[in-house]
Amino acid sequence: MMVGVLGANAETRPQYGGVLHVAMRGVPVSLDPANSDQPDSFARRSITMLVFDTLVIMDESARVQAWLATSWQVSEN
């Protein structure tokens, strides 16, 4: 057990490339992130979260914070 711990250090560089395998309970019909009313929407959301980035995120206090968006406006209606 200690051998594995000793082999890793803080200077280990990330490895890019390769293949990521993700287990899913279902097969999504579509990967369109705007089409979330299908019965496979949980499987599609799980995949699209790995593929697409979001405009805003929620912080620890549940406040909306900018992510890709640089600004936004709230409509009166």
N, C-alpha and C. Protein backbone atom coordinates (compact mmCIF):
# COMPACT_ATOMS: atom_id res chain seq x y z
N MET A 1 0.82 -1.18 0.00
CA MET A 1 0.00 0.00 0.00
C MET A 1 0.87 1.25 0.00
N MET A 2 1.92 1.28 0.76
CA MET A 2 2.79 2.45 0.83
C MET A 2 3.56 2.66 -0.47
N VAL A 3 3.79 1.62 -1.23
CA VAL A 3 4.52 1.75 -2.48
C VAL A 3 3.76 2.67 -3.43
N GLY A 4 2.43 2.50 -3.54
CA GLY A 4 1.63 3.35 -4.40
C GLY A 4 1.61 4.79 -3.93
N VAL A 5 1.61 5.00 -2.64
CA VAL A 5 1.60 6.35 -2.08
C VAL A 5 2.94 7.02 -2.33
N LEU A 6 4.02 6.29 -2.19
CA LEU A 6 5.34 6.86 -2.39
C LEU A 6 5.61 7.20 -3.85
N GLY A 7 4.97 6.47 -4.77
CA GLY A 7 5.20 6.71 -6.19
C GLY A 7 4.52 7.98 -6.70
N ALA A 8 3.51 8.47 -6.01
CA ALA A 8 2.80 9.68 -6.45
C ALA A 8 3.37 10.89 -5.74
N ASN A 9 3.43 12.01 -6.46
CA ASN A 9 3.88 13.24 -5.83
C ASN A 9 3.08 14.41 -6.38
N ALA A 10 3.26 15.59 -5.81
CA ALA A 10 2.50 16.77 -6.20
C ALA A 10 2.88 17.26 -7.59
N GLU A 11 4.00 16.82 -8.12
CA GLU A 11 4.44 17.28 -9.43
C GLU A 11 4.00 16.36 -10.57
N THR A 12 3.13 15.39 -10.29
CA THR A 12 2.63 14.52 -11.34
C THR A 12 1.82 15.35 -12.33
N ARG A 13 2.17 15.25 -13.59
CA ARG A 13 1.49 16.04 -14.62
C ARG A 13 0.25 15.31 -15.12
N PRO A 14 -0.78 16.07 -15.53
CA PRO A 14 -1.97 15.42 -16.07
C PRO A 14 -1.66 14.69 -17.36
N GLN A 15 -2.39 13.64 -17.63
CA GLN A 15 -2.21 12.88 -18.86
C GLN A 15 -3.37 13.23 -19.80
N TYR A 16 -3.06 13.70 -20.99
CA TYR A 16 -4.06 14.09 -21.96
C TYR A 16 -4.18 13.03 -23.04
N GLY A 17 -5.35 12.98 -23.67
CA GLY A 17 -5.58 12.00 -24.72
C GLY A 17 -6.15 10.72 -24.15
N GLY A 18 -6.29 9.75 -24.98
CA GLY A 18 -6.81 8.47 -24.53
C GLY A 18 -8.32 8.39 -24.68
N VAL A 19 -8.92 7.42 -24.01
CA VAL A 19 -10.35 7.16 -24.11
C VAL A 19 -10.95 7.14 -22.71
N LEU A 20 -12.08 7.79 -22.55
CA LEU A 20 -12.82 7.78 -21.28
C LEU A 20 -14.03 6.88 -21.45
N HIS A 21 -14.16 5.86 -20.62
CA HIS A 21 -15.31 4.96 -20.65
C HIS A 21 -16.21 5.35 -19.48
N VAL A 22 -17.51 5.56 -19.77
CA VAL A 22 -18.48 5.94 -18.74
C VAL A 22 -19.63 4.94 -18.78
N ALA A 23 -19.94 4.34 -17.63
CA ALA A 23 -21.06 3.39 -17.55
C ALA A 23 -22.37 4.16 -17.43
N MET A 24 -23.37 3.77 -18.21
CA MET A 24 -24.68 4.42 -18.19
C MET A 24 -25.76 3.36 -17.99
N ARG A 25 -26.85 3.75 -17.34
CA ARG A 25 -27.97 2.83 -17.15
C ARG A 25 -28.87 2.76 -18.38
N GLY A 26 -28.77 3.74 -19.25
CA GLY A 26 -29.61 3.77 -20.44
C GLY A 26 -28.84 4.37 -21.60
N VAL A 27 -29.40 4.26 -22.77
CA VAL A 27 -28.78 4.83 -23.96
C VAL A 27 -29.62 6.03 -24.39
N PRO A 28 -29.05 7.22 -24.41
CA PRO A 28 -29.84 8.38 -24.81
C PRO A 28 -30.20 8.34 -26.29
N VAL A 29 -31.40 8.81 -26.59
CA VAL A 29 -31.86 8.88 -27.97
C VAL A 29 -31.13 9.99 -28.71
N SER A 30 -30.82 11.08 -27.99
CA SER A 30 -30.18 12.24 -28.60
C SER A 30 -29.23 12.85 -27.57
N LEU A 31 -28.23 13.59 -28.04
CA LEU A 31 -27.34 14.31 -27.13
C LEU A 31 -27.62 15.81 -27.16
N ASP A 32 -28.77 16.21 -27.68
CA ASP A 32 -29.16 17.62 -27.73
C ASP A 32 -29.44 18.10 -26.31
N PRO A 33 -28.63 19.01 -25.75
CA PRO A 33 -28.84 19.45 -24.37
C PRO A 33 -30.11 20.26 -24.18
N ALA A 34 -30.69 20.79 -25.26
CA ALA A 34 -31.93 21.57 -25.15
C ALA A 34 -33.17 20.69 -25.14
N ASN A 35 -33.04 19.44 -25.45
CA ASN A 35 -34.17 18.52 -25.53
C ASN A 35 -34.20 17.65 -24.29
N SER A 36 -34.69 18.19 -23.17
CA SER A 36 -34.61 17.47 -21.89
C SER A 36 -35.92 16.83 -21.47
N ASP A 37 -36.94 16.80 -22.33
CA ASP A 37 -38.23 16.23 -21.94
C ASP A 37 -38.40 14.78 -22.38
N GLN A 38 -37.34 14.15 -22.80
CA GLN A 38 -37.39 12.76 -23.22
C GLN A 38 -37.18 11.84 -22.01
N PRO A 39 -37.66 10.58 -22.08
CA PRO A 39 -37.51 9.67 -20.95
C PRO A 39 -36.06 9.36 -20.59
N ASP A 40 -35.14 9.56 -21.51
CA ASP A 40 -33.72 9.28 -21.25
C ASP A 40 -32.97 10.53 -20.81
N SER A 41 -33.67 11.55 -20.32
CA SER A 41 -33.03 12.84 -20.05
C SER A 41 -31.93 12.74 -18.99
N PHE A 42 -32.05 11.82 -18.01
CA PHE A 42 -30.99 11.70 -17.01
C PHE A 42 -29.70 11.19 -17.65
N ALA A 43 -29.81 10.19 -18.51
CA ALA A 43 -28.62 9.67 -19.19
C ALA A 43 -28.02 10.74 -20.08
N ARG A 44 -28.86 11.49 -20.80
CA ARG A 44 -28.36 12.54 -21.69
C ARG A 44 -27.69 13.65 -20.88
N ARG A 45 -28.30 14.06 -19.76
CA ARG A 45 -27.68 15.10 -18.91
C ARG A 45 -26.33 14.64 -18.40
N SER A 46 -26.23 13.38 -18.01
CA SER A 46 -24.96 12.86 -17.51
C SER A 46 -23.87 12.95 -18.56
N ILE A 47 -24.19 12.62 -19.80
CA ILE A 47 -23.20 12.68 -20.87
C ILE A 47 -22.89 14.12 -21.25
N THR A 48 -23.93 14.95 -21.42
CA THR A 48 -23.69 16.32 -21.87
C THR A 48 -22.90 17.12 -20.84
N MET A 49 -23.00 16.78 -19.56
CA MET A 49 -22.20 17.47 -18.55
C MET A 49 -20.71 17.18 -18.76
N LEU A 50 -20.39 16.04 -19.35
CA LEU A 50 -18.99 15.70 -19.63
C LEU A 50 -18.50 16.34 -20.92
N VAL A 51 -19.43 16.69 -21.83
CA VAL A 51 -19.06 17.17 -23.16
C VAL A 51 -19.17 18.68 -23.28
N PHE A 52 -20.27 19.26 -22.78
CA PHE A 52 -20.54 20.68 -22.94
C PHE A 52 -20.23 21.45 -21.67
N ASP A 53 -19.89 22.72 -21.79
CA ASP A 53 -19.71 23.59 -20.64
C ASP A 53 -20.96 24.44 -20.47
N THR A 54 -21.10 25.13 -19.35
CA THR A 54 -22.32 25.87 -19.04
C THR A 54 -22.06 27.37 -18.99
N LEU A 55 -23.12 28.15 -19.17
CA LEU A 55 -22.98 29.61 -19.14
C LEU A 55 -22.79 30.13 -17.73
N VAL A 56 -23.51 29.54 -16.77
CA VAL A 56 -23.42 29.97 -15.37
C VAL A 56 -23.33 28.73 -14.49
N ILE A 57 -22.87 28.93 -13.26
CA ILE A 57 -22.82 27.85 -12.27
C ILE A 57 -23.44 28.35 -10.98
N MET A 58 -23.76 27.44 -10.08
CA MET A 58 -24.26 27.79 -8.75
C MET A 58 -23.10 27.63 -7.77
N ASP A 59 -22.89 28.64 -6.93
CA ASP A 59 -21.82 28.53 -5.94
C ASP A 59 -22.32 27.80 -4.70
N GLU A 60 -21.50 27.72 -3.67
CA GLU A 60 -21.83 26.98 -2.45
C GLU A 60 -23.06 27.55 -1.74
N SER A 61 -23.36 28.82 -1.98
CA SER A 61 -24.52 29.47 -1.35
C SER A 61 -25.72 29.51 -2.29
N ALA A 62 -25.70 28.74 -3.36
CA ALA A 62 -26.77 28.67 -4.35
C ALA A 62 -26.99 29.99 -5.08
N ARG A 63 -25.94 30.77 -5.23
CA ARG A 63 -26.01 32.00 -6.01
C ARG A 63 -25.46 31.73 -7.40
N VAL A 64 -26.09 32.34 -8.40
CA VAL A 64 -25.65 32.17 -9.79
C VAL A 64 -24.36 32.95 -10.00
N GLN A 65 -23.36 32.28 -10.56
CA GLN A 65 -22.07 32.90 -10.85
C GLN A 65 -21.74 32.69 -12.33
N ALA A 66 -21.07 33.65 -12.92
CA ALA A 66 -20.67 33.53 -14.33
C ALA A 66 -19.69 32.38 -14.50
N TRP A 67 -19.82 31.68 -15.60
CA TRP A 67 -18.86 30.65 -15.97
C TRP A 67 -18.36 30.97 -17.38
N LEU A 68 -19.08 30.59 -18.42
CA LEU A 68 -18.73 31.02 -19.77
C LEU A 68 -19.33 32.39 -20.09
N ALA A 69 -20.47 32.70 -19.50
CA ALA A 69 -21.13 33.99 -19.75
C ALA A 69 -20.30 35.11 -19.14
N THR A 70 -20.23 36.22 -19.83
CA THR A 70 -19.52 37.39 -19.29
C THR A 70 -20.49 38.39 -18.69
N SER A 71 -21.75 38.36 -19.13
CA SER A 71 -22.79 39.21 -18.55
C SER A 71 -24.15 38.68 -18.98
N TRP A 72 -25.21 39.13 -18.30
CA TRP A 72 -26.57 38.77 -18.67
C TRP A 72 -27.52 39.79 -18.09
N GLN A 73 -28.73 39.80 -18.64
CA GLN A 73 -29.77 40.72 -18.18
C GLN A 73 -31.02 39.91 -17.85
N VAL A 74 -31.77 40.37 -16.85
CA VAL A 74 -33.03 39.74 -16.48
C VAL A 74 -34.16 40.51 -17.14
N SER A 75 -35.01 39.80 -17.85
CA SER A 75 -36.13 40.42 -18.55
C SER A 75 -37.25 40.75 -17.56
N GLU A 76 -38.00 41.80 -17.84
CA GLU A 76 -39.13 42.19 -16.99
C GLU A 76 -40.24 41.14 -17.02
N ASN A 77 -40.40 40.46 -18.13
CA ASN A 77 -41.48 39.47 -18.23
C ASN A 77 -40.88 38.09 -18.20
